[in-house]
């Protein structure tokens, strides 16, 4: 049985190509919405081509310049920590090494906060200090780099982090210490103390 093949003329091929292009353009592609607080400026329509009359010079009209809103050019940043503020008042049951410097605090959630202190006392000496001050041995979390945790109370379901004091060693052959930057000032600390007091933070 013979099958008859029709020859596609160039005009028919052009019609098929235009039909395929229009079908692809008809498909809707989901476009992500802008973030909250931002606005998407509408794109200006292209200006109509200028027509030059007899004896006149053709003119080119420059497209309008759109300026993004200031909110998009300079997004507002939410600070992740309280820096350079006054040291918090912790409960008397939470000892802070006398020469330790308050650095910053972070929101831990559930009304709790992390309080960071820095000191250049060697890690082993600071662990020995808290062993005596808290009258418990605590427990070693890591050997290298050294990290020691002292519990300050029982962890409850309404807490985000167990009340504790964590001492971490930042000084080694490969690290000169924890770098803390406050504005234009920089300082390094051999040992960092992280304190989460019992109960919700204030």
Foldseek 3Di string as FASTA:
>chain_A
DDDDDDDQDPVNVVVVVVVVVVVVVVDDDDDDDDDPPADDDDDDDDDDADDDDPPGDGDDDDDDDDDGDPCVVDPDDDDQWDAPDDDDDADPLDDDDPPWAWGIKGDLDLQWIKTKTFAQDAQVVVLVVCCVSNVHNFDWDDVVQTKTKDADDDDDPSDRDGFIKMKTAQPDPVGNADWGDDPPDIDGGGMMIIGIHPDGYD
